[in-house]
Amino acid sequence: MNNVNNGNISIDDMLKLKGLKDAWEYTLNNIDTELTIDYIKKIHFEICKGQNIEPLGEFRNKGVGITGTSWRPKLPSECNYEDDLKKILSISRELERCITLFCFIQRAQMFLDGNKRVANLVANKEMIRTGQGIISVPIEKIGEYFAKLIKYYETNDIKLWIYENCIDGIE
């Protein structure tokens, strides 16, 4: 970010990049920290700080809509994320557990903004910790990913696509 802004990068995008940088630093410095709901909230805080997002590092307190679908996630007050996380963490196959975590956080829409970024960082913390590589959507598949993601919100079905297209760093 130092001296690279040629005028085409908005302040909001620069703040998002800074948040991602800070969140990655936190993640890598705490790779062996137990994954809890509080850890997920801390990642949200790091990713979104400085971006005028409220509540920052806390669950959203109002309903949200998702562009491209009429599906609506439940309010966090109607969910038990602690139990959901325990069930996911009990999955014995590490790669399946990480992909399930990635998908769950995106679909749960715990926060008003930053859910995909939080999902990516939290899942990749576990991917790296367990030696599974990383989850990374290839740039040439971004459009397909977003189309699949909209369907996923409605059907809860995207894990195989993630496995086949987005796992990097392992054979």
N, C-alpha and C. Protein backbone atom coordinates (compact mmCIF):
# COMPACT_ATOMS: atom_id res chain seq x y z
N MET A 1 0.82 -1.19 0.00
CA MET A 1 0.00 0.00 0.00
C MET A 1 0.86 1.26 0.00
N ASN A 2 2.10 1.15 0.42
CA ASN A 2 2.96 2.33 0.45
C ASN A 2 3.25 2.83 -0.95
N ASN A 3 2.81 4.05 -1.23
CA ASN A 3 3.12 4.73 -2.49
C ASN A 3 2.67 3.97 -3.73
N VAL A 4 1.64 3.15 -3.63
CA VAL A 4 1.17 2.44 -4.82
C VAL A 4 -0.17 2.95 -5.31
N ASN A 5 -0.80 3.87 -4.57
CA ASN A 5 -2.10 4.35 -4.97
C ASN A 5 -1.95 5.30 -6.14
N ASN A 6 -2.42 4.87 -7.29
CA ASN A 6 -2.33 5.70 -8.49
C ASN A 6 -3.63 6.47 -8.73
N GLY A 7 -4.46 6.53 -7.73
CA GLY A 7 -5.73 7.24 -7.87
C GLY A 7 -6.88 6.33 -8.22
N ASN A 8 -6.60 5.08 -8.55
CA ASN A 8 -7.66 4.15 -8.92
C ASN A 8 -8.14 3.31 -7.74
N ILE A 9 -7.49 3.43 -6.59
CA ILE A 9 -7.89 2.68 -5.41
C ILE A 9 -8.59 3.63 -4.45
N SER A 10 -9.82 3.29 -4.12
CA SER A 10 -10.59 4.16 -3.22
C SER A 10 -10.06 4.03 -1.79
N ILE A 11 -10.37 5.01 -0.98
CA ILE A 11 -10.00 4.98 0.44
C ILE A 11 -10.64 3.76 1.09
N ASP A 12 -11.89 3.46 0.76
CA ASP A 12 -12.56 2.28 1.33
C ASP A 12 -11.81 1.00 0.99
N ASP A 13 -11.37 0.87 -0.26
CA ASP A 13 -10.62 -0.32 -0.66
C ASP A 13 -9.28 -0.39 0.06
N MET A 14 -8.64 0.75 0.25
CA MET A 14 -7.37 0.75 0.98
C MET A 14 -7.59 0.34 2.44
N LEU A 15 -8.69 0.79 3.03
CA LEU A 15 -9.00 0.39 4.41
C LEU A 15 -9.27 -1.11 4.49
N LYS A 16 -9.95 -1.66 3.48
CA LYS A 16 -10.19 -3.10 3.44
C LYS A 16 -8.87 -3.87 3.35
N LEU A 17 -7.97 -3.39 2.51
CA LEU A 17 -6.66 -4.03 2.39
C LEU A 17 -5.89 -3.96 3.71
N LYS A 18 -5.94 -2.81 4.36
CA LYS A 18 -5.27 -2.65 5.66
C LYS A 18 -5.87 -3.60 6.68
N GLY A 19 -7.19 -3.70 6.70
CA GLY A 19 -7.86 -4.63 7.62
C GLY A 19 -7.47 -6.06 7.35
N LEU A 20 -7.41 -6.45 6.08
CA LEU A 20 -6.99 -7.82 5.75
C LEU A 20 -5.55 -8.07 6.18
N LYS A 21 -4.69 -7.11 5.96
CA LYS A 21 -3.29 -7.24 6.38
C LYS A 21 -3.21 -7.44 7.89
N ASP A 22 -3.90 -6.58 8.64
CA ASP A 22 -3.87 -6.68 10.10
C ASP A 22 -4.47 -8.01 10.58
N ALA A 23 -5.55 -8.44 9.93
CA ALA A 23 -6.19 -9.70 10.32
C ALA A 23 -5.30 -10.89 10.01
N TRP A 24 -4.60 -10.86 8.86
CA TRP A 24 -3.65 -11.94 8.55
C TRP A 24 -2.51 -11.96 9.56
N GLU A 25 -2.00 -10.80 9.94
CA GLU A 25 -0.94 -10.76 10.95
C GLU A 25 -1.42 -11.36 12.26
N TYR A 26 -2.61 -10.97 12.68
CA TYR A 26 -3.18 -11.52 13.91
C TYR A 26 -3.33 -13.04 13.80
N THR A 27 -3.86 -13.48 12.67
CA THR A 27 -4.08 -14.91 12.45
C THR A 27 -2.77 -15.68 12.51
N LEU A 28 -1.79 -15.23 11.78
CA LEU A 28 -0.51 -15.95 11.74
C LEU A 28 0.21 -15.92 13.08
N ASN A 29 0.02 -14.85 13.83
CA ASN A 29 0.62 -14.77 15.17
C ASN A 29 -0.14 -15.58 16.21
N ASN A 30 -1.35 -16.02 15.85
CA ASN A 30 -2.19 -16.78 16.78
C ASN A 30 -2.69 -18.07 16.13
N ILE A 31 -1.85 -18.67 15.31
CA ILE A 31 -2.27 -19.83 14.53
C ILE A 31 -2.70 -21.01 15.40
N ASP A 32 -2.11 -21.14 16.57
CA ASP A 32 -2.45 -22.26 17.45
C ASP A 32 -3.50 -21.92 18.50
N THR A 33 -4.02 -20.70 18.45
CA THR A 33 -5.08 -20.30 19.37
C THR A 33 -6.34 -21.11 19.07
N GLU A 34 -7.01 -21.54 20.13
CA GLU A 34 -8.25 -22.30 19.97
C GLU A 34 -9.27 -21.48 19.17
N LEU A 35 -9.94 -22.14 18.25
CA LEU A 35 -10.96 -21.48 17.46
C LEU A 35 -12.27 -21.44 18.25
N THR A 36 -12.70 -20.23 18.57
CA THR A 36 -13.93 -20.00 19.33
C THR A 36 -14.73 -18.91 18.62
N ILE A 37 -15.93 -18.71 19.09
CA ILE A 37 -16.75 -17.61 18.56
C ILE A 37 -16.05 -16.28 18.86
N ASP A 38 -15.45 -16.14 20.02
CA ASP A 38 -14.73 -14.90 20.32
C ASP A 38 -13.57 -14.67 19.35
N TYR A 39 -12.89 -15.74 18.95
CA TYR A 39 -11.81 -15.61 17.96
C TYR A 39 -12.39 -15.11 16.64
N ILE A 40 -13.51 -15.66 16.22
CA ILE A 40 -14.15 -15.23 14.97
C ILE A 40 -14.53 -13.75 15.05
N LYS A 41 -15.06 -13.32 16.19
CA LYS A 41 -15.39 -11.90 16.39
C LYS A 41 -14.14 -11.03 16.32
N LYS A 42 -13.04 -11.51 16.87
CA LYS A 42 -11.78 -10.75 16.82
C LYS A 42 -11.30 -10.60 15.38
N ILE A 43 -11.44 -11.64 14.58
CA ILE A 43 -11.07 -11.55 13.17
C ILE A 43 -11.95 -10.51 12.48
N HIS A 44 -13.24 -10.50 12.77
CA HIS A 44 -14.13 -9.49 12.19
C HIS A 44 -13.66 -8.09 12.58
N PHE A 45 -13.32 -7.92 13.84
CA PHE A 45 -12.84 -6.62 14.31
C PHE A 45 -11.61 -6.19 13.51
N GLU A 46 -10.64 -7.08 13.36
CA GLU A 46 -9.40 -6.74 12.66
C GLU A 46 -9.67 -6.45 11.18
N ILE A 47 -10.52 -7.23 10.55
CA ILE A 47 -10.80 -7.05 9.12
C ILE A 47 -11.53 -5.73 8.85
N CYS A 48 -12.44 -5.37 9.72
CA CYS A 48 -13.34 -4.25 9.42
C CYS A 48 -13.04 -2.96 10.17
N LYS A 49 -12.05 -2.95 11.05
CA LYS A 49 -11.78 -1.72 11.81
C LYS A 49 -11.44 -0.58 10.84
N GLY A 50 -11.93 0.60 11.17
CA GLY A 50 -11.69 1.77 10.34
C GLY A 50 -12.63 1.90 9.16
N GLN A 51 -13.60 1.00 9.01
CA GLN A 51 -14.46 0.99 7.83
C GLN A 51 -15.90 1.42 8.09
N ASN A 52 -16.17 2.04 9.22
CA ASN A 52 -17.51 2.53 9.51
C ASN A 52 -18.54 1.39 9.50
N ILE A 53 -18.16 0.28 10.12
CA ILE A 53 -19.05 -0.88 10.23
C ILE A 53 -19.41 -1.03 11.70
N GLU A 54 -20.69 -1.05 11.97
CA GLU A 54 -21.17 -1.22 13.33
C GLU A 54 -22.21 -2.32 13.37
N PRO A 55 -22.22 -3.18 14.34
CA PRO A 55 -21.26 -3.26 15.43
C PRO A 55 -19.98 -3.95 14.97
N LEU A 56 -18.87 -3.41 15.34
CA LEU A 56 -17.56 -3.90 14.94
C LEU A 56 -17.11 -5.01 15.89
N GLY A 57 -16.83 -6.18 15.34
CA GLY A 57 -16.40 -7.31 16.16
C GLY A 57 -17.52 -7.93 16.97
N GLU A 58 -18.73 -7.61 16.62
CA GLU A 58 -19.91 -8.17 17.30
C GLU A 58 -20.92 -8.61 16.24
N PHE A 59 -21.80 -9.52 16.62
CA PHE A 59 -22.81 -10.01 15.69
C PHE A 59 -23.76 -8.89 15.28
N ARG A 60 -24.26 -9.00 14.08
CA ARG A 60 -25.23 -8.01 13.60
C ARG A 60 -26.49 -8.08 14.45
N ASN A 61 -27.18 -6.95 14.53
CA ASN A 61 -28.39 -6.88 15.35
C ASN A 61 -29.62 -6.55 14.54
N LYS A 62 -29.52 -6.74 13.22
CA LYS A 62 -30.67 -6.53 12.35
C LYS A 62 -30.58 -7.47 11.17
N GLY A 63 -31.69 -7.62 10.47
CA GLY A 63 -31.74 -8.50 9.32
C GLY A 63 -30.91 -7.97 8.16
N VAL A 64 -30.52 -8.86 7.29
CA VAL A 64 -29.77 -8.48 6.09
C VAL A 64 -30.37 -9.19 4.88
N GLY A 65 -30.19 -8.56 3.75
CA GLY A 65 -30.55 -9.16 2.49
C GLY A 65 -29.27 -9.46 1.72
N ILE A 66 -29.36 -10.37 0.78
CA ILE A 66 -28.22 -10.75 -0.03
C ILE A 66 -28.60 -10.54 -1.48
N THR A 67 -27.82 -9.71 -2.17
CA THR A 67 -28.09 -9.41 -3.56
C THR A 67 -28.11 -10.69 -4.38
N GLY A 68 -29.15 -10.85 -5.19
CA GLY A 68 -29.23 -11.99 -6.09
C GLY A 68 -30.08 -13.13 -5.58
N THR A 69 -30.57 -13.03 -4.35
CA THR A 69 -31.41 -14.10 -3.80
C THR A 69 -32.42 -13.51 -2.83
N SER A 70 -33.55 -14.20 -2.70
CA SER A 70 -34.55 -13.78 -1.71
C SER A 70 -34.32 -14.48 -0.37
N TRP A 71 -33.37 -15.43 -0.32
CA TRP A 71 -33.05 -16.12 0.92
C TRP A 71 -32.51 -15.13 1.95
N ARG A 72 -32.92 -15.28 3.18
CA ARG A 72 -32.48 -14.42 4.27
C ARG A 72 -31.94 -15.25 5.42
N PRO A 73 -30.77 -14.92 5.92
CA PRO A 73 -30.25 -15.65 7.09
C PRO A 73 -31.00 -15.24 8.35
N LYS A 74 -31.00 -16.14 9.31
CA LYS A 74 -31.60 -15.83 10.60
C LYS A 74 -30.79 -14.75 11.29
N LEU A 75 -31.42 -14.06 12.21
CA LEU A 75 -30.70 -13.14 13.09
C LEU A 75 -29.79 -13.95 14.00
N PRO A 76 -28.63 -13.42 14.34
CA PRO A 76 -27.75 -14.14 15.27
C PRO A 76 -28.44 -14.49 16.59
N SER A 77 -29.36 -13.65 17.04
CA SER A 77 -30.08 -13.93 18.28
C SER A 77 -30.95 -15.18 18.17
N GLU A 78 -31.24 -15.62 16.94
CA GLU A 78 -32.05 -16.82 16.71
C GLU A 78 -31.17 -18.06 16.51
N CYS A 79 -29.87 -17.88 16.58
CA CYS A 79 -28.92 -18.96 16.29
C CYS A 79 -28.12 -19.33 17.52
N ASN A 80 -27.52 -20.50 17.47
CA ASN A 80 -26.58 -20.90 18.51
C ASN A 80 -25.25 -21.20 17.83
N TYR A 81 -24.48 -20.17 17.55
CA TYR A 81 -23.23 -20.32 16.84
C TYR A 81 -22.22 -21.17 17.62
N GLU A 82 -22.28 -21.11 18.95
CA GLU A 82 -21.37 -21.92 19.77
C GLU A 82 -21.58 -23.40 19.45
N ASP A 83 -22.84 -23.84 19.45
CA ASP A 83 -23.13 -25.25 19.14
C ASP A 83 -22.78 -25.59 17.70
N ASP A 84 -23.09 -24.69 16.78
CA ASP A 84 -22.75 -24.92 15.37
C ASP A 84 -21.25 -25.09 15.21
N LEU A 85 -20.47 -24.23 15.86
CA LEU A 85 -19.02 -24.32 15.76
C LEU A 85 -18.51 -25.62 16.37
N LYS A 86 -19.06 -26.02 17.51
CA LYS A 86 -18.65 -27.29 18.13
C LYS A 86 -18.88 -28.46 17.18
N LYS A 87 -20.03 -28.48 16.52
CA LYS A 87 -20.34 -29.56 15.57
C LYS A 87 -19.34 -29.57 14.42
N ILE A 88 -19.03 -28.39 13.91
CA ILE A 88 -18.07 -28.31 12.80
C ILE A 88 -16.69 -28.77 13.26
N LEU A 89 -16.26 -28.33 14.43
CA LEU A 89 -14.93 -28.69 14.93
C LEU A 89 -14.83 -30.17 15.29
N SER A 90 -15.97 -30.85 15.41
CA SER A 90 -15.94 -32.28 15.71
C SER A 90 -15.79 -33.14 14.45
N ILE A 91 -15.83 -32.52 13.27
CA ILE A 91 -15.63 -33.26 12.03
C ILE A 91 -14.20 -33.77 12.01
N SER A 92 -14.02 -35.07 11.88
CA SER A 92 -12.68 -35.66 12.03
C SER A 92 -11.76 -35.42 10.83
N ARG A 93 -12.29 -35.35 9.64
CA ARG A 93 -11.45 -35.12 8.46
C ARG A 93 -11.14 -33.62 8.37
N GLU A 94 -9.85 -33.28 8.47
CA GLU A 94 -9.43 -31.89 8.61
C GLU A 94 -9.86 -31.01 7.45
N LEU A 95 -9.66 -31.47 6.22
CA LEU A 95 -10.02 -30.66 5.07
C LEU A 95 -11.53 -30.44 5.00
N GLU A 96 -12.29 -31.46 5.25
CA GLU A 96 -13.76 -31.33 5.27
C GLU A 96 -14.18 -30.35 6.36
N ARG A 97 -13.54 -30.43 7.52
CA ARG A 97 -13.86 -29.51 8.62
C ARG A 97 -13.59 -28.06 8.20
N CYS A 98 -12.46 -27.81 7.55
CA CYS A 98 -12.10 -26.45 7.15
C CYS A 98 -13.05 -25.91 6.08
N ILE A 99 -13.40 -26.73 5.11
CA ILE A 99 -14.33 -26.30 4.05
C ILE A 99 -15.70 -26.05 4.66
N THR A 100 -16.14 -26.90 5.56
CA THR A 100 -17.43 -26.71 6.22
C THR A 100 -17.44 -25.41 7.01
N LEU A 101 -16.35 -25.13 7.70
CA LEU A 101 -16.23 -23.88 8.46
C LEU A 101 -16.31 -22.67 7.53
N PHE A 102 -15.57 -22.73 6.43
CA PHE A 102 -15.58 -21.66 5.43
C PHE A 102 -17.01 -21.40 4.94
N CYS A 103 -17.71 -22.46 4.60
CA CYS A 103 -19.08 -22.32 4.07
C CYS A 103 -20.04 -21.82 5.14
N PHE A 104 -19.93 -22.38 6.34
CA PHE A 104 -20.83 -22.00 7.43
C PHE A 104 -20.76 -20.51 7.74
N ILE A 105 -19.57 -19.97 7.88
CA ILE A 105 -19.44 -18.56 8.25
C ILE A 105 -20.01 -17.67 7.16
N GLN A 106 -19.80 -18.03 5.90
CA GLN A 106 -20.37 -17.23 4.81
C GLN A 106 -21.89 -17.25 4.86
N ARG A 107 -22.46 -18.42 5.05
CA ARG A 107 -23.92 -18.57 4.99
C ARG A 107 -24.60 -18.00 6.24
N ALA A 108 -23.95 -18.09 7.38
CA ALA A 108 -24.55 -17.60 8.63
C ALA A 108 -24.73 -16.09 8.62
N GLN A 109 -23.86 -15.37 7.88
CA GLN A 109 -23.95 -13.91 7.82
C GLN A 109 -24.01 -13.33 9.24
N MET A 110 -23.04 -13.71 10.07
CA MET A 110 -23.00 -13.27 11.47
C MET A 110 -22.89 -11.76 11.61
N PHE A 111 -22.23 -11.14 10.63
CA PHE A 111 -21.89 -9.72 10.74
C PHE A 111 -22.57 -8.94 9.62
N LEU A 112 -22.68 -7.62 9.79
CA LEU A 112 -23.30 -6.79 8.76
C LEU A 112 -22.46 -6.71 7.49
N ASP A 113 -21.15 -6.81 7.63
CA ASP A 113 -20.27 -6.76 6.47
C ASP A 113 -19.02 -7.58 6.79
N GLY A 114 -18.35 -8.05 5.76
CA GLY A 114 -17.08 -8.74 5.94
C GLY A 114 -17.19 -10.24 6.14
N ASN A 115 -18.37 -10.82 5.97
CA ASN A 115 -18.55 -12.24 6.26
C ASN A 115 -17.68 -13.15 5.39
N LYS A 116 -17.55 -12.86 4.10
CA LYS A 116 -16.72 -13.70 3.23
C LYS A 116 -15.25 -13.57 3.61
N ARG A 117 -14.82 -12.36 3.95
CA ARG A 117 -13.43 -12.16 4.37
C ARG A 117 -13.16 -12.89 5.69
N VAL A 118 -14.09 -12.78 6.63
CA VAL A 118 -13.95 -13.48 7.91
C VAL A 118 -13.90 -14.99 7.67
N ALA A 119 -14.80 -15.50 6.85
CA ALA A 119 -14.85 -16.94 6.56
C ALA A 119 -13.53 -17.40 5.98
N ASN A 120 -12.99 -16.63 5.04
CA ASN A 120 -11.74 -17.00 4.40
C ASN A 120 -10.60 -17.05 5.41
N LEU A 121 -10.50 -16.04 6.24
CA LEU A 121 -9.39 -15.98 7.20
C LEU A 121 -9.51 -17.05 8.28
N VAL A 122 -10.70 -17.24 8.81
CA VAL A 122 -10.88 -18.23 9.88
C VAL A 122 -10.63 -19.64 9.33
N ALA A 123 -11.18 -19.93 8.17
CA ALA A 123 -10.96 -21.26 7.58
C ALA A 123 -9.49 -21.46 7.24
N ASN A 124 -8.84 -20.42 6.72
CA ASN A 124 -7.43 -20.56 6.37
C ASN A 124 -6.54 -20.67 7.60
N LYS A 125 -6.94 -20.10 8.72
CA LYS A 125 -6.21 -20.32 9.97
C LYS A 125 -6.17 -21.81 10.26
N GLU A 126 -7.32 -22.45 10.15
CA GLU A 126 -7.40 -23.89 10.42
C GLU A 126 -6.71 -24.71 9.32
N MET A 127 -6.80 -24.26 8.07
CA MET A 127 -6.12 -24.95 6.97
C MET A 127 -4.61 -24.95 7.22
N ILE A 128 -4.07 -23.80 7.55
CA ILE A 128 -2.62 -23.68 7.78
C ILE A 128 -2.22 -24.46 9.03
N ARG A 129 -3.00 -24.32 10.09
CA ARG A 129 -2.68 -25.00 11.35
C ARG A 129 -2.61 -26.51 11.17
N THR A 130 -3.45 -27.05 10.30
CA THR A 130 -3.51 -28.50 10.11
C THR A 130 -2.75 -28.97 8.86
N GLY A 131 -2.04 -28.06 8.20
CA GLY A 131 -1.23 -28.45 7.05
C GLY A 131 -2.03 -28.81 5.82
N GLN A 132 -3.17 -28.16 5.63
CA GLN A 132 -4.07 -28.48 4.51
C GLN A 132 -3.94 -27.52 3.33
N GLY A 133 -2.95 -26.65 3.33
CA GLY A 133 -2.85 -25.65 2.28
C GLY A 133 -3.72 -24.46 2.65
N ILE A 134 -4.32 -23.83 1.64
CA ILE A 134 -5.24 -22.72 1.89
C ILE A 134 -6.46 -22.83 0.97
N ILE A 135 -7.50 -22.13 1.36
CA ILE A 135 -8.67 -21.97 0.50
C ILE A 135 -8.51 -20.64 -0.20
N SER A 136 -8.48 -20.68 -1.51
CA SER A 136 -8.30 -19.47 -2.31
C SER A 136 -9.07 -19.63 -3.62
N VAL A 137 -10.01 -18.74 -3.84
CA VAL A 137 -10.78 -18.79 -5.09
C VAL A 137 -9.90 -18.23 -6.20
N PRO A 138 -9.60 -19.04 -7.23
CA PRO A 138 -8.78 -18.53 -8.33
C PRO A 138 -9.44 -17.34 -9.02
N ILE A 139 -8.64 -16.36 -9.38
CA ILE A 139 -9.17 -15.12 -9.98
C ILE A 139 -10.04 -15.41 -11.19
N GLU A 140 -9.67 -16.40 -11.98
CA GLU A 140 -10.46 -16.71 -13.19
C GLU A 140 -11.78 -17.40 -12.86
N LYS A 141 -11.98 -17.76 -11.59
CA LYS A 141 -13.23 -18.43 -11.19
C LYS A 141 -14.08 -17.56 -10.25
N ILE A 142 -13.69 -16.31 -10.07
CA ILE A 142 -14.43 -15.43 -9.15
C ILE A 142 -15.90 -15.31 -9.56
N GLY A 143 -16.16 -15.08 -10.84
CA GLY A 143 -17.55 -14.95 -11.30
C GLY A 143 -18.35 -16.21 -11.05
N GLU A 144 -17.76 -17.34 -11.36
CA GLU A 144 -18.43 -18.62 -11.12
C GLU A 144 -18.67 -18.84 -9.63
N TYR A 145 -17.66 -18.47 -8.82
CA TYR A 145 -17.79 -18.60 -7.37
C TYR A 145 -18.98 -17.79 -6.84
N PHE A 146 -19.10 -16.55 -7.26
CA PHE A 146 -20.21 -15.73 -6.77
C PHE A 146 -21.56 -16.28 -7.22
N ALA A 147 -21.63 -16.82 -8.42
CA ALA A 147 -22.88 -17.46 -8.88
C ALA A 147 -23.18 -18.69 -8.02
N LYS A 148 -22.16 -19.50 -7.75
CA LYS A 148 -22.34 -20.69 -6.90
C LYS A 148 -22.71 -20.28 -5.48
N LEU A 149 -22.13 -19.18 -5.00
CA LEU A 149 -22.39 -18.71 -3.65
C LEU A 149 -23.86 -18.31 -3.48
N ILE A 150 -24.42 -17.64 -4.47
CA ILE A 150 -25.84 -17.27 -4.41
C ILE A 150 -26.69 -18.53 -4.31
N LYS A 151 -26.39 -19.53 -5.13
CA LYS A 151 -27.14 -20.79 -5.06
C LYS A 151 -26.92 -21.47 -3.71
N TYR A 152 -25.70 -21.37 -3.20
CA TYR A 152 -25.39 -21.98 -1.91
C TYR A 152 -26.24 -21.40 -0.79
N TYR A 153 -26.45 -20.12 -0.81
CA TYR A 153 -27.29 -19.52 0.23
C TYR A 153 -28.67 -20.17 0.24
N GLU A 154 -29.16 -20.52 -0.94
CA GLU A 154 -30.50 -21.12 -1.05
C GLU A 154 -30.50 -22.62 -0.82
N THR A 155 -29.42 -23.32 -1.20
CA THR A 155 -29.42 -24.78 -1.20
C THR A 155 -28.47 -25.41 -0.19
N ASN A 156 -27.54 -24.63 0.36
CA ASN A 156 -26.53 -25.13 1.28
C ASN A 156 -25.62 -26.16 0.60
N ASP A 157 -25.35 -25.95 -0.70
CA ASP A 157 -24.55 -26.91 -1.47
C ASP A 157 -23.47 -26.19 -2.27
N ILE A 158 -22.22 -26.23 -1.78
CA ILE A 158 -21.09 -25.64 -2.51
C ILE A 158 -19.77 -26.34 -2.15
N LYS A 159 -19.79 -27.22 -1.17
CA LYS A 159 -18.55 -27.78 -0.64
C LYS A 159 -17.73 -28.52 -1.69
N LEU A 160 -18.35 -29.31 -2.54
CA LEU A 160 -17.60 -30.05 -3.55
C LEU A 160 -16.92 -29.09 -4.52
N TRP A 161 -17.62 -28.03 -4.90
CA TRP A 161 -17.03 -27.04 -5.81
C TRP A 161 -15.80 -26.38 -5.15
N ILE A 162 -15.92 -26.04 -3.89
CA ILE A 162 -14.78 -25.46 -3.16
C ILE A 162 -13.62 -26.46 -3.16
N TYR A 163 -13.92 -27.71 -2.85
CA TYR A 163 -12.87 -28.73 -2.80
C TYR A 163 -12.18 -28.88 -4.16
N GLU A 164 -12.96 -28.89 -5.23
CA GLU A 164 -12.40 -29.13 -6.56
C GLU A 164 -11.69 -27.90 -7.15
N ASN A 165 -12.03 -26.70 -6.70
CA ASN A 165 -11.55 -25.49 -7.35
C ASN A 165 -10.72 -24.54 -6.50
N CYS A 166 -10.78 -24.66 -5.18
CA CYS A 166 -10.25 -23.60 -4.34
C CYS A 166 -9.21 -24.04 -3.30
N ILE A 167 -8.78 -25.27 -3.34
CA ILE A 167 -7.78 -25.73 -2.38
C ILE A 167 -6.42 -25.60 -3.05
N ASP A 168 -5.52 -24.88 -2.40
CA ASP A 168 -4.22 -24.61 -2.98
C ASP A 168 -3.14 -24.97 -1.96
N GLY A 169 -2.05 -25.51 -2.45
CA GLY A 169 -0.91 -25.78 -1.58
C GLY A 169 -0.75 -27.22 -1.16
N ILE A 170 -1.67 -28.10 -1.58
CA ILE A 170 -1.52 -29.52 -1.33
C ILE A 170 -1.87 -30.27 -2.61
N GLU A 171 -1.38 -31.47 -2.73
CA GLU A 171 -1.68 -32.29 -3.91
C GLU A 171 -2.86 -33.19 -3.64
